[in-house]
Structures are given as structure tokens and as C-alpha cells.
PDB file of N, CA and C in Angstrom:
ATOM      1  N   LEU A   1      -0.643  -1.547  -6.253  1.00  0.00           N
ATOM      2  CA  LEU A   1      -1.633  -0.474  -6.301  1.00  0.00           C
ATOM      3  C   LEU A   1      -2.152  -0.206  -5.001  1.00  0.00           C
ATOM      4  N   SER A   2      -2.635   1.022  -4.758  1.00  0.00           N
ATOM      5  CA  SER A   2      -3.084   1.391  -3.374  1.00  0.00           C
ATOM      6  C   SER A   2      -4.574   0.830  -3.272  1.00  0.00           C
ATOM      7  N   THR A   3      -5.070   0.819  -1.934  1.00  0.00           N
ATOM      8  CA  THR A   3      -6.305   0.183  -1.662  1.00  0.00           C
ATOM      9  C   THR A   3      -7.390   1.089  -2.267  1.00  0.00           C
ATOM     10  N   SER A   4      -7.005   2.299  -2.637  1.00  0.00           N
ATOM     11  CA  SER A   4      -7.940   3.147  -3.221  1.00  0.00           C
ATOM     12  C   SER A   4      -8.136   3.056  -4.517  1.00  0.00           C
ATOM     13  N   GLY A   5      -7.167   2.343  -5.345  1.00  0.00           N
ATOM     14  CA  GLY A   5      -7.193   1.916  -6.781  1.00  0.00           C
ATOM     15  C   GLY A   5      -6.136   2.789  -7.456  1.00  0.00           C
ATOM     16  N   ALA A   6      -5.432   3.512  -6.881  1.00  0.00           N
ATOM     17  CA  ALA A   6      -4.283   4.236  -7.589  1.00  0.00           C
ATOM     18  C   ALA A   6      -3.238   3.441  -7.984  1.00  0.00           C
ATOM     19  N   LEU A   7      -2.796   3.288  -9.174  1.00  0.00           N
ATOM     20  CA  LEU A   7      -1.809   2.373  -9.809  1.00  0.00           C
ATOM     21  C   LEU A   7      -0.443   3.161  -9.414  1.00  0.00           C
ATOM     22  N   ILE A   8       0.402   2.413  -8.581  1.00  0.00           N
ATOM     23  CA  ILE A   8       1.649   3.005  -8.155  1.00  0.00           C
ATOM     24  C   ILE A   8       2.847   2.378  -9.143  1.00  0.00           C
ATOM     25  N   SER A   9       2.829   1.248  -9.563  1.00  0.00           N
ATOM     26  CA  SER A   9       3.915   1.010 -10.324  1.00  0.00           C
ATOM     27  C   SER A   9       3.266  -0.184 -11.120  1.00  0.00           C
ATOM     28  N   CYS A  10       3.932  -0.467 -12.537  1.00  0.00           N
ATOM     29  CA  CYS A  10       3.641  -1.411 -13.389  1.00  0.00           C
ATOM     30  C   CYS A  10       4.618  -1.958 -14.251  1.00  0.00           C
ATOM     31  N   ALA A  11       4.863  -3.242 -14.304  1.00  0.00           N
ATOM     32  CA  ALA A  11       5.905  -3.890 -14.978  1.00  0.00           C
ATOM     33  C   ALA A  11       5.419  -4.853 -16.073  1.00  0.00           C
ATOM     34  N   GLY A  12       5.975  -4.849 -17.125  1.00  0.00           N
ATOM     35  CA  GLY A  12       5.526  -5.880 -18.261  1.00  0.00           C
ATOM     36  C   GLY A  12       4.669  -5.171 -19.283  1.00  0.00           C
ATOM     37  N   GLU A  13       3.994  -6.030 -19.863  1.00  0.00           N
ATOM     38  CA  GLU A  13       3.055  -5.305 -21.055  1.00  0.00           C
ATOM     39  C   GLU A  13       1.999  -4.597 -20.364  1.00  0.00           C
ATOM     40  N   ARG A  14       1.666  -3.580 -21.114  1.00  0.00           N
ATOM     41  CA  ARG A  14       0.699  -2.556 -20.516  1.00  0.00           C
ATOM     42  C   ARG A  14      -0.623  -2.800 -21.161  1.00  0.00           C
ATOM     43  N   LEU A  15      -1.430  -3.652 -20.650  1.00  0.00           N
ATOM     44  CA  LEU A  15      -2.656  -4.075 -21.158  1.00  0.00           C
ATOM     45  C   LEU A  15      -3.947  -3.737 -20.169  1.00  0.00           C
ATOM     46  N   GLY A  16      -4.356  -2.658 -20.108  1.00  0.00           N
ATOM     47  CA  GLY A  16      -5.413  -2.239 -19.221  1.00  0.00           C
ATOM     48  C   GLY A  16      -5.111  -2.376 -17.791  1.00  0.00           C
ATOM     49  N   GLU A  17      -3.970  -1.883 -17.352  1.00  0.00           N
ATOM     50  CA  GLU A  17      -3.669  -1.707 -15.901  1.00  0.00           C
ATOM     51  C   GLU A  17      -4.464  -0.855 -14.952  1.00  0.00           C
ATOM     52  N   ASP A  18      -4.875   0.269 -15.626  1.00  0.00           N
ATOM     53  CA  ASP A  18      -5.780   1.141 -14.861  1.00  0.00           C
ATOM     54  C   ASP A  18      -7.234   0.316 -14.561  1.00  0.00           C
ATOM     55  N   LEU A  19      -7.602  -0.387 -15.594  1.00  0.00           N
ATOM     56  CA  LEU A  19      -8.838  -0.953 -15.395  1.00  0.00           C
ATOM     57  C   LEU A  19      -8.732  -2.132 -14.265  1.00  0.00           C
ATOM     58  N   VAL A  20      -7.770  -2.854 -14.400  1.00  0.00           N
ATOM     59  CA  VAL A  20      -7.450  -4.179 -13.426  1.00  0.00           C
ATOM     60  C   VAL A  20      -7.245  -3.441 -12.014  1.00  0.00           C
ATOM     61  N   SER A  21      -6.523  -2.313 -11.903  1.00  0.00           N
ATOM     62  CA  SER A  21      -6.515  -1.765 -10.616  1.00  0.00           C
ATOM     63  C   SER A  21      -7.617  -1.279 -10.199  1.00  0.00           C
ATOM     64  N   ALA A  22      -8.507  -0.419 -10.785  1.00  0.00           N
ATOM     65  CA  ALA A  22      -9.771  -0.131 -10.264  1.00  0.00           C
ATOM     66  C   ALA A  22     -10.825  -1.383 -10.075  1.00  0.00           C
ATOM     67  N   ILE A  23     -10.732  -2.413 -10.781  1.00  0.00           N
ATOM     68  CA  ILE A  23     -11.529  -3.616 -10.282  1.00  0.00           C
ATOM     69  C   ILE A  23     -10.969  -4.066  -9.183  1.00  0.00           C
ATOM     70  N   VAL A  24      -9.728  -4.303  -8.942  1.00  0.00           N
ATOM     71  CA  VAL A  24      -9.278  -4.984  -7.858  1.00  0.00           C
ATOM     72  C   VAL A  24      -9.518  -4.250  -6.552  1.00  0.00           C
ATOM     73  N   ALA A  25      -9.404  -2.815  -6.717  1.00  0.00           N
ATOM     74  CA  ALA A  25      -9.584  -2.082  -5.303  1.00  0.00           C
ATOM     75  C   ALA A  25     -10.928  -2.138  -5.081  1.00  0.00           C
ATOM     76  N   SER A  26     -11.872  -2.066  -6.094  1.00  0.00           N
ATOM     77  CA  SER A  26     -13.441  -2.058  -5.788  1.00  0.00           C
ATOM     78  C   SER A  26     -13.731  -3.406  -5.229  1.00  0.00           C
ATOM     79  N   VAL A  27     -13.206  -4.460  -5.464  1.00  0.00           N
ATOM     80  CA  VAL A  27     -13.568  -5.975  -4.969  1.00  0.00           C
ATOM     81  C   VAL A  27     -13.034  -5.908  -3.675  1.00  0.00           C
ATOM     82  N   TRP A  28     -11.666  -5.555  -3.442  1.00  0.00           N
ATOM     83  CA  TRP A  28     -11.092  -5.508  -2.126  1.00  0.00           C
ATOM     84  C   TRP A  28     -11.800  -4.760  -1.079  1.00  0.00           C
ATOM     85  N   LYS A  29     -12.354  -3.595  -1.376  1.00  0.00           N
ATOM     86  CA  LYS A  29     -13.184  -2.576  -0.608  1.00  0.00           C
ATOM     87  C   LYS A  29     -14.425  -3.219  -0.172  1.00  0.00           C
ATOM     88  N   THR A  30     -15.042  -3.752  -1.195  1.00  0.00           N
ATOM     89  CA  THR A  30     -16.489  -4.478  -1.088  1.00  0.00           C
ATOM     90  C   THR A  30     -16.482  -5.463  -0.069  1.00  0.00           C
ATOM     91  N   TYR A  31     -15.420  -6.198  -0.239  1.00  0.00           N
ATOM     92  CA  TYR A  31     -15.203  -7.525   0.749  1.00  0.00           C
ATOM     93  C   TYR A  31     -14.767  -7.080   2.188  1.00  0.00           C
ATOM     94  N   GLU A  32     -13.832  -6.002   2.180  1.00  0.00           N
ATOM     95  CA  GLU A  32     -13.721  -5.439   3.756  1.00  0.00           C
ATOM     96  C   GLU A  32     -14.886  -4.874   4.419  1.00  0.00           C
ATOM     97  N   LYS A  33     -15.681  -4.432   3.447  1.00  0.00           N
ATOM     98  CA  LYS A  33     -17.019  -3.533   4.073  1.00  0.00           C
ATOM     99  C   LYS A  33     -17.918  -4.777   4.542  1.00  0.00           C
ATOM    100  N   GLY A  34     -18.077  -5.643   3.778  1.00  0.00           N
ATOM    101  CA  GLY A  34     -19.089  -6.799   3.997  1.00  0.00           C
ATOM    102  C   GLY A  34     -18.555  -7.858   5.148  1.00  0.00           C
ATOM    103  N   ASP A  35     -17.430  -8.033   5.446  1.00  0.00           N
ATOM    104  CA  ASP A  35     -17.005  -9.147   6.193  1.00  0.00           C
ATOM    105  C   ASP A  35     -15.840  -8.636   7.151  1.00  0.00           C
ATOM    106  N   SER A  36     -16.279  -8.016   8.341  1.00  0.00           N
ATOM    107  CA  SER A  36     -15.331  -7.490   9.287  1.00  0.00           C
ATOM    108  C   SER A  36     -14.720  -8.543  10.200  1.00  0.00           C
ATOM    109  N   SER A  37     -15.292  -9.841  10.077  1.00  0.00           N
ATOM    110  CA  SER A  37     -14.881 -10.984  10.926  1.00  0.00           C
ATOM    111  C   SER A  37     -13.520 -11.611  10.486  1.00  0.00           C
ATOM    112  N   SER A  38     -13.296 -11.442   9.292  1.00  0.00           N
ATOM    113  CA  SER A  38     -11.889 -12.213   8.805  1.00  0.00           C
ATOM    114  C   SER A  38     -11.215 -11.093   7.922  1.00  0.00           C
ATOM    115  N   ALA A  39      -9.851 -11.222   7.907  1.00  0.00           N
ATOM    116  CA  ALA A  39      -9.018 -10.427   7.147  1.00  0.00           C
ATOM    117  C   ALA A  39      -8.873 -11.182   5.717  1.00  0.00           C
ATOM    118  N   LEU A  40      -9.045 -10.447   4.734  1.00  0.00           N
ATOM    119  CA  LEU A  40      -8.704 -10.882   3.376  1.00  0.00           C
ATOM    120  C   LEU A  40      -7.287 -10.910   3.160  1.00  0.00           C
ATOM    121  N   GLN A  41      -6.785 -11.977   2.786  1.00  0.00           N
ATOM    122  CA  GLN A  41      -5.323 -12.351   2.595  1.00  0.00           C
ATOM    123  C   GLN A  41      -5.129 -12.184   0.916  1.00  0.00           C
ATOM    124  N   SER A  42      -5.792 -12.758   0.181  1.00  0.00           N
ATOM    125  CA  SER A  42      -5.534 -12.728  -1.314  1.00  0.00           C
ATOM    126  C   SER A  42      -6.812 -13.079  -1.846  1.00  0.00           C
ATOM    127  N   ILE A  43      -6.862 -12.572  -3.373  1.00  0.00           N
ATOM    128  CA  ILE A  43      -7.981 -12.862  -4.108  1.00  0.00           C
ATOM    129  C   ILE A  43      -7.433 -13.256  -5.440  1.00  0.00           C
ATOM    130  N   PHE A  44      -8.274 -14.147  -6.223  1.00  0.00           N
ATOM    131  CA  PHE A  44      -7.805 -14.713  -7.466  1.00  0.00           C
ATOM    132  C   PHE A  44      -9.104 -14.448  -8.400  1.00  0.00           C
ATOM    133  N   VAL A  45      -8.809 -13.692  -9.536  1.00  0.00           N
ATOM    134  CA  VAL A  45     -10.011 -13.581 -10.522  1.00  0.00           C
ATOM    135  C   VAL A  45      -9.486 -14.108 -11.820  1.00  0.00           C
ATOM    136  N   ASP A  46     -10.485 -15.195 -12.238  1.00  0.00           N
ATOM    137  CA  ASP A  46     -10.093 -15.761 -13.385  1.00  0.00           C
ATOM    138  C   ASP A  46     -10.946 -15.225 -14.518  1.00  0.00           C
ATOM    139  N   CYS A  47     -10.319 -14.574 -15.298  1.00  0.00           N
ATOM    140  CA  CYS A  47     -10.991 -13.790 -16.478  1.00  0.00           C
ATOM    141  C   CYS A  47     -10.744 -14.519 -17.742  1.00  0.00           C
ATOM    142  N   GLU A  48     -11.425 -14.151 -18.851  1.00  0.00           N
ATOM    143  CA  GLU A  48     -11.427 -14.819 -20.238  1.00  0.00           C
ATOM    144  C   GLU A  48      -9.883 -14.714 -20.665  1.00  0.00           C
ATOM    145  N   GLU A  49      -9.293 -13.619 -20.538  1.00  0.00           N
ATOM    146  CA  GLU A  49      -7.762 -13.528 -21.143  1.00  0.00           C
ATOM    147  C   GLU A  49      -6.825 -13.611 -20.181  1.00  0.00           C
ATOM    148  N   GLY A  50      -6.972 -14.003 -18.916  1.00  0.00           N
ATOM    149  CA  GLY A  50      -5.970 -14.182 -18.015  1.00  0.00           C
ATOM    150  C   GLY A  50      -6.637 -14.419 -16.624  1.00  0.00           C
ATOM    151  N   VAL A  51      -5.465 -14.412 -15.709  1.00  0.00           N
ATOM    152  CA  VAL A  51      -5.874 -14.612 -14.184  1.00  0.00           C
ATOM    153  C   VAL A  51      -5.263 -13.332 -13.647  1.00  0.00           C
ATOM    154  N   ILE A  52      -5.978 -12.809 -12.427  1.00  0.00           N
ATOM    155  CA  ILE A  52      -5.508 -11.804 -11.653  1.00  0.00           C
ATOM    156  C   ILE A  52      -5.225 -12.279 -10.332  1.00  0.00           C
ATOM    157  N   ALA A  53      -4.140 -12.279  -9.622  1.00  0.00           N
ATOM    158  CA  ALA A  53      -3.875 -12.581  -8.163  1.00  0.00           C
ATOM    159  C   ALA A  53      -3.318 -11.381  -7.643  1.00  0.00           C
ATOM    160  N   CYS A  54      -4.159 -11.268  -6.322  1.00  0.00           N
ATOM    161  CA  CYS A  54      -3.648 -10.013  -5.551  1.00  0.00           C
ATOM    162  C   CYS A  54      -3.662 -10.379  -4.135  1.00  0.00           C
ATOM    163  N   SER A  55      -2.588  -9.748  -3.449  1.00  0.00           N
ATOM    164  CA  SER A  55      -2.505  -9.985  -1.895  1.00  0.00           C
ATOM    165  C   SER A  55      -2.192  -8.525  -1.293  1.00  0.00           C
ATOM    166  N   LEU A  56      -2.532  -8.319  -0.120  1.00  0.00           N
ATOM    167  CA  LEU A  56      -2.255  -7.073   0.563  1.00  0.00           C
ATOM    168  C   LEU A  56      -0.798  -7.150   1.126  1.00  0.00           C
ATOM    169  N   VAL A  57       0.059  -6.335   0.732  1.00  0.00           N
ATOM    170  CA  VAL A  57       1.407  -6.270   1.175  1.00  0.00           C
ATOM    171  C   VAL A  57       1.421  -5.473   2.371  1.00  0.00           C
ATOM    172  N   LEU A  58       0.778  -4.068   2.468  1.00  0.00           N
ATOM    173  CA  LEU A  58       0.779  -3.344   3.717  1.00  0.00           C
ATOM    174  C   LEU A  58      -0.690  -2.997   3.748  1.00  0.00           C
ATOM    175  N   PRO A  59      -0.972  -2.276   4.747  1.00  0.00           N
ATOM    176  CA  PRO A  59      -2.538  -2.013   5.021  1.00  0.00           C
ATOM    177  C   PRO A  59      -3.132  -1.233   4.041  1.00  0.00           C
ATOM    178  N   ASN A  60      -2.327  -0.465   3.168  1.00  0.00           N
ATOM    179  CA  ASN A  60      -2.646   0.472   2.284  1.00  0.00           C
ATOM    180  C   ASN A  60      -2.228   0.089   0.763  1.00  0.00           C
ATOM    181  N   LEU A  61      -1.593  -1.092   0.588  1.00  0.00           N
ATOM    182  CA  LEU A  61      -0.844  -1.371  -0.651  1.00  0.00           C
ATOM    183  C   LEU A  61      -1.150  -2.804  -1.036  1.00  0.00           C
ATOM    184  N   ILE A  62      -1.791  -3.031  -2.372  1.00  0.00           N
ATOM    185  CA  ILE A  62      -1.987  -4.300  -2.896  1.00  0.00           C
ATOM    186  C   ILE A  62      -1.182  -4.649  -3.777  1.00  0.00           C
ATOM    187  N   LEU A  63      -0.563  -5.996  -3.843  1.00  0.00           N
ATOM    188  CA  LEU A  63       0.416  -6.541  -4.881  1.00  0.00           C
ATOM    189  C   LEU A  63      -0.638  -7.142  -5.865  1.00  0.00           C
ATOM    190  N   CYS A  64      -0.433  -7.056  -7.088  1.00  0.00           N
ATOM    191  CA  CYS A  64      -1.394  -7.599  -8.193  1.00  0.00           C
ATOM    192  C   CYS A  64      -0.535  -8.184  -9.280  1.00  0.00           C
ATOM    193  N   LEU A  65      -0.742  -9.580  -9.532  1.00  0.00           N
ATOM    194  CA  LEU A  65       0.027 -10.121 -10.578  1.00  0.00           C
ATOM    195  C   LEU A  65      -1.018 -10.372 -11.647  1.00  0.00           C
ATOM    196  N   VAL A  66      -0.710 -10.158 -12.844  1.00  0.00           N
ATOM    197  CA  VAL A  66      -1.520 -10.552 -14.001  1.00  0.00           C
ATOM    198  C   VAL A  66      -0.973 -11.652 -14.806  1.00  0.00           C
ATOM    199  N   ALA A  67      -1.662 -12.906 -15.085  1.00  0.00           N
ATOM    200  CA  ALA A  67      -0.948 -13.903 -15.777  1.00  0.00           C
ATOM    201  C   ALA A  67      -1.630 -14.521 -16.846  1.00  0.00           C
ATOM    202  N   GLU A  68      -1.167 -15.316 -17.805  1.00  0.00           N
ATOM    203  CA  GLU A  68      -2.049 -15.920 -18.787  1.00  0.00           C
ATOM    204  C   GLU A  68      -2.888 -16.865 -18.116  1.00  0.00           C
ATOM    205  N   SER A  69      -4.031 -17.259 -18.688  1.00  0.00           N
ATOM    206  CA  SER A  69      -5.143 -18.153 -18.314  1.00  0.00           C
ATOM    207  C   SER A  69      -4.454 -19.525 -18.069  1.00  0.00           C
ATOM    208  N   THR A  70      -3.523 -19.900 -18.805  1.00  0.00           N
ATOM    209  CA  THR A  70      -2.991 -21.109 -18.583  1.00  0.00           C
ATOM    210  C   THR A  70      -2.008 -21.439 -17.560  1.00  0.00           C
ATOM    211  N   THR A  71      -1.714 -20.440 -16.874  1.00  0.00           N
ATOM    212  CA  THR A  71      -0.724 -20.360 -15.647  1.00  0.00           C
ATOM    213  C   THR A  71      -1.277 -21.186 -14.574  1.00  0.00           C
ATOM    214  N   PRO A  72      -0.699 -22.136 -14.089  1.00  0.00           N
ATOM    215  CA  PRO A  72      -1.290 -23.036 -12.772  1.00  0.00           C
ATOM    216  C   PRO A  72      -1.294 -22.106 -11.653  1.00  0.00           C
ATOM    217  N   LEU A  73      -2.551 -22.291 -10.956  1.00  0.00           N
ATOM    218  CA  LEU A  73      -2.988 -21.288  -9.820  1.00  0.00           C
ATOM    219  C   LEU A  73      -1.811 -21.609  -8.590  1.00  0.00           C
ATOM    220  N   GLY A  74      -1.427 -22.777  -8.410  1.00  0.00           N
ATOM    221  CA  GLY A  74      -0.275 -22.873  -7.503  1.00  0.00           C
ATOM    222  C   GLY A  74       0.804 -22.042  -7.601  1.00  0.00           C
ATOM    223  N   ILE A  75       1.311 -22.154  -8.927  1.00  0.00           N
ATOM    224  CA  ILE A  75       2.586 -21.631  -9.114  1.00  0.00           C
ATOM    225  C   ILE A  75       2.534 -19.859  -8.910  1.00  0.00           C
ATOM    226  N   LEU A  76       1.238 -19.509  -9.265  1.00  0.00           N
ATOM    227  CA  LEU A  76       0.889 -18.113  -9.196  1.00  0.00           C
ATOM    228  C   LEU A  76       0.752 -17.788  -7.623  1.00  0.00           C
ATOM    229  N   LYS A  77       0.177 -18.533  -7.101  1.00  0.00           N
ATOM    230  CA  LYS A  77      -0.004 -18.356  -5.341  1.00  0.00           C
ATOM    231  C   LYS A  77       1.495 -18.301  -4.884  1.00  0.00           C
ATOM    232  N   VAL A  78       2.412 -19.296  -5.223  1.00  0.00           N
ATOM    233  CA  VAL A  78       3.687 -19.240  -4.601  1.00  0.00           C
ATOM    234  C   VAL A  78       4.612 -17.821  -4.960  1.00  0.00           C
ATOM    235  N   LYS A  79       4.314 -17.345  -6.266  1.00  0.00           N
ATOM    236  CA  LYS A  79       4.769 -16.192  -6.736  1.00  0.00           C
ATOM    237  C   LYS A  79       4.492 -14.956  -5.963  1.00  0.00           C
ATOM    238  N   LEU A  80       3.093 -14.898  -5.634  1.00  0.00           N
ATOM    239  CA  LEU A  80       2.314 -13.901  -4.972  1.00  0.00           C
ATOM    240  C   LEU A  80       2.897 -13.802  -3.580  1.00  0.00           C
ATOM    241  N   ASP A  81       2.865 -15.045  -2.918  1.00  0.00           N
ATOM    242  CA  ASP A  81       3.257 -15.081  -1.465  1.00  0.00           C
ATOM    243  C   ASP A  81       4.851 -14.741  -1.390  1.00  0.00           C
ATOM    244  N   THR A  82       5.612 -14.907  -2.266  1.00  0.00           N
ATOM    245  CA  THR A  82       7.013 -14.764  -2.271  1.00  0.00           C
ATOM    246  C   THR A  82       7.299 -13.294  -2.378  1.00  0.00           C
ATOM    247  N   LEU A  83       6.613 -12.709  -3.336  1.00  0.00           N
ATOM    248  CA  LEU A  83       6.884 -11.220  -3.777  1.00  0.00           C
ATOM    249  C   LEU A  83       6.336 -10.375  -2.554  1.00  0.00           C
ATOM    250  N   ARG A  84       5.002 -10.846  -1.987  1.00  0.00           N
ATOM    251  CA  ARG A  84       4.654 -10.243  -0.852  1.00  0.00           C
ATOM    252  C   ARG A  84       5.502 -10.082   0.408  1.00  0.00           C
ATOM    253  N   THR A  85       6.066 -11.286   0.626  1.00  0.00           N
ATOM    254  CA  THR A  85       7.040 -11.430   1.655  1.00  0.00           C
ATOM    255  C   THR A  85       8.323 -10.434   1.498  1.00  0.00           C
ATOM    256  N   HIS A  86       8.792 -10.530   0.351  1.00  0.00           N
ATOM    257  CA  HIS A  86       9.948  -9.848   0.130  1.00  0.00           C
ATOM    258  C   HIS A  86       9.945  -8.250  -0.113  1.00  0.00           C
ATOM    259  N   LEU A  87       8.731  -7.842  -0.286  1.00  0.00           N
ATOM    260  CA  LEU A  87       8.390  -6.438  -0.656  1.00  0.00           C
ATOM    261  C   LEU A  87       7.842  -5.824   0.696  1.00  0.00           C
ATOM    262  N   ALA A  88       7.329  -6.661   1.572  1.00  0.00           N
ATOM    263  CA  ALA A  88       6.773  -5.763   2.766  1.00  0.00           C
ATOM    264  C   ALA A  88       7.699  -5.058   3.491  1.00  0.00           C
ATOM    265  N   GLY A  89       8.958  -5.556   3.766  1.00  0.00           N
ATOM    266  CA  GLY A  89       9.976  -4.906   4.558  1.00  0.00           C
ATOM    267  C   GLY A  89      10.491  -3.731   3.895  1.00  0.00           C
ATOM    268  N   PRO A  90      10.933  -3.713   2.676  1.00  0.00           N
ATOM    269  CA  PRO A  90      11.442  -2.546   2.106  1.00  0.00           C
ATOM    270  C   PRO A  90      10.452  -1.301   1.698  1.00  0.00           C
ATOM    271  N   LEU A  91       9.183  -1.857   1.508  1.00  0.00           N
ATOM    272  CA  LEU A  91       8.143  -0.785   1.289  1.00  0.00           C
ATOM    273  C   LEU A  91       7.367  -0.163   2.467  1.00  0.00           C
ATOM    274  N   ALA A  92       7.631  -0.800   3.441  1.00  0.00           N
ATOM    275  CA  ALA A  92       6.981  -0.379   4.707  1.00  0.00           C
ATOM    276  C   ALA A  92       7.371   1.252   5.146  1.00  0.00           C
ATOM    277  N   PRO A  93       8.588   1.522   4.986  1.00  0.00           N
ATOM    278  CA  PRO A  93       8.859   2.845   5.415  1.00  0.00           C
ATOM    279  C   PRO A  93       8.407   3.867   4.191  1.00  0.00           C
ATOM    280  N   VAL A  94       8.305   3.442   3.072  1.00  0.00           N
ATOM    281  CA  VAL A  94       8.198   4.348   2.086  1.00  0.00           C
ATOM    282  C   VAL A  94       6.429   4.575   2.077  1.00  0.00           C
ATOM    283  N   PHE A  95       5.778   3.629   2.288  1.00  0.00           N
ATOM    284  CA  PHE A  95       4.197   3.719   2.373  1.00  0.00           C
ATOM    285  C   PHE A  95       3.690   3.846   3.661  1.00  0.00           C
ATOM    286  N   ALA A  96       4.303   4.173   4.679  1.00  0.00           N
ATOM    287  CA  ALA A  96       3.895   4.396   6.130  1.00  0.00           C
ATOM    288  C   ALA A  96       2.912   5.415   6.217  1.00  0.00           C
ATOM    289  N   VAL A  97       1.892   5.338   6.942  1.00  0.00           N
ATOM    290  CA  VAL A  97       0.959   6.481   7.108  1.00  0.00           C
ATOM    291  C   VAL A  97       1.596   7.533   8.131  1.00  0.00           C
ATOM    292  N   GLN A  98       1.633   8.531   7.763  1.00  0.00           N
ATOM    293  CA  GLN A  98       2.371   9.671   8.488  1.00  0.00           C
ATOM    294  C   GLN A  98       1.288  10.329   9.485  1.00  0.00           C
ATOM    295  N   PRO A  99       1.402  10.445  10.476  1.00  0.00           N
ATOM    296  CA  PRO A  99       0.318  11.212  11.314  1.00  0.00           C
ATOM    297  C   PRO A  99       0.236  12.667  11.027  1.00  0.00           C
ATOM    298  N   ALA A 100      -0.991  13.155  11.299  1.00  0.00           N
ATOM    299  CA  ALA A 100      -1.174  14.598  10.872  1.00  0.00           C
ATOM    300  C   ALA A 100      -0.426  15.606  11.763  1.00  0.00           C
ATOM    301  N   PRO A 101       0.267  16.570  11.099  1.00  0.00           N
ATOM    302  CA  PRO A 101       1.030  17.382  12.065  1.00  0.00           C
ATOM    303  C   PRO A 101       0.024  18.216  13.060  1.00  0.00           C
ATOM    304  N   LYS A 102       0.698  18.337  14.369  1.00  0.00           N
ATOM    305  CA  LYS A 102      -0.001  18.863  15.294  1.00  0.00           C
ATOM    306  C   LYS A 102       0.055  20.453  15.168  1.00  0.00           C
ATOM    307  N   ARG A 103      -1.161  21.045  15.520  1.00  0.00           N
ATOM    308  CA  ARG A 103      -1.162  22.587  15.310  1.00  0.00           C
ATOM    309  C   ARG A 103      -1.371  23.430  16.522  1.00  0.00           C
TER     310      ARG A 103
END
């Protein structure tokens, strides 16, 4: 999802992904506005029906995993880090910020 909350892609069961993306983007923006001294690397949200794990892949792109509440957080963190590492290179040219055209 984008840092503005727009859902870019979704795989698996479709269970409220629009709501999840809006919540994650809001939490991410709130943290970045409030604490400029450190860069947020990832967040984990423990919900009643599952766990949400998110990590910044590119400056404008957040990777978000949703798992069952019984999933060990260590396994989820390893999967999140591995996916982030493998996706950053191929997605960089696709989501690169283009400079405004000169007039």
C-alpha cells in the first residue's frame, strides 16, 4: 500500500483490506509526524482477529502482512524482512518519484 493509504495490491483472502490499509497508513503518518528523530522500520498491530505486520519497502510504499493471531511474531518478522528485501529492488523503478516536468 502507498504511504497515503491507497491499496496497490492484495493477495489471499479479501477481508477488509481497505480498512487495514487506511489504518496502517494513518498510524504510519502519525508516527512520522510525531517522531522525526528516528526512522520507523516496521510496526506490528495485534488485533482480535489477527496480526498486522508492516514495513517500509520504499519511501512511498508499505508492505503489509496479515496473519492469524496464533502466528508467532518471530516468523512473521522474518517473512516481512525477507519480502521487503526481495521486493525493494524490483519495485524501485516502478514506484520511483518522477520529477515535475520543466516548463
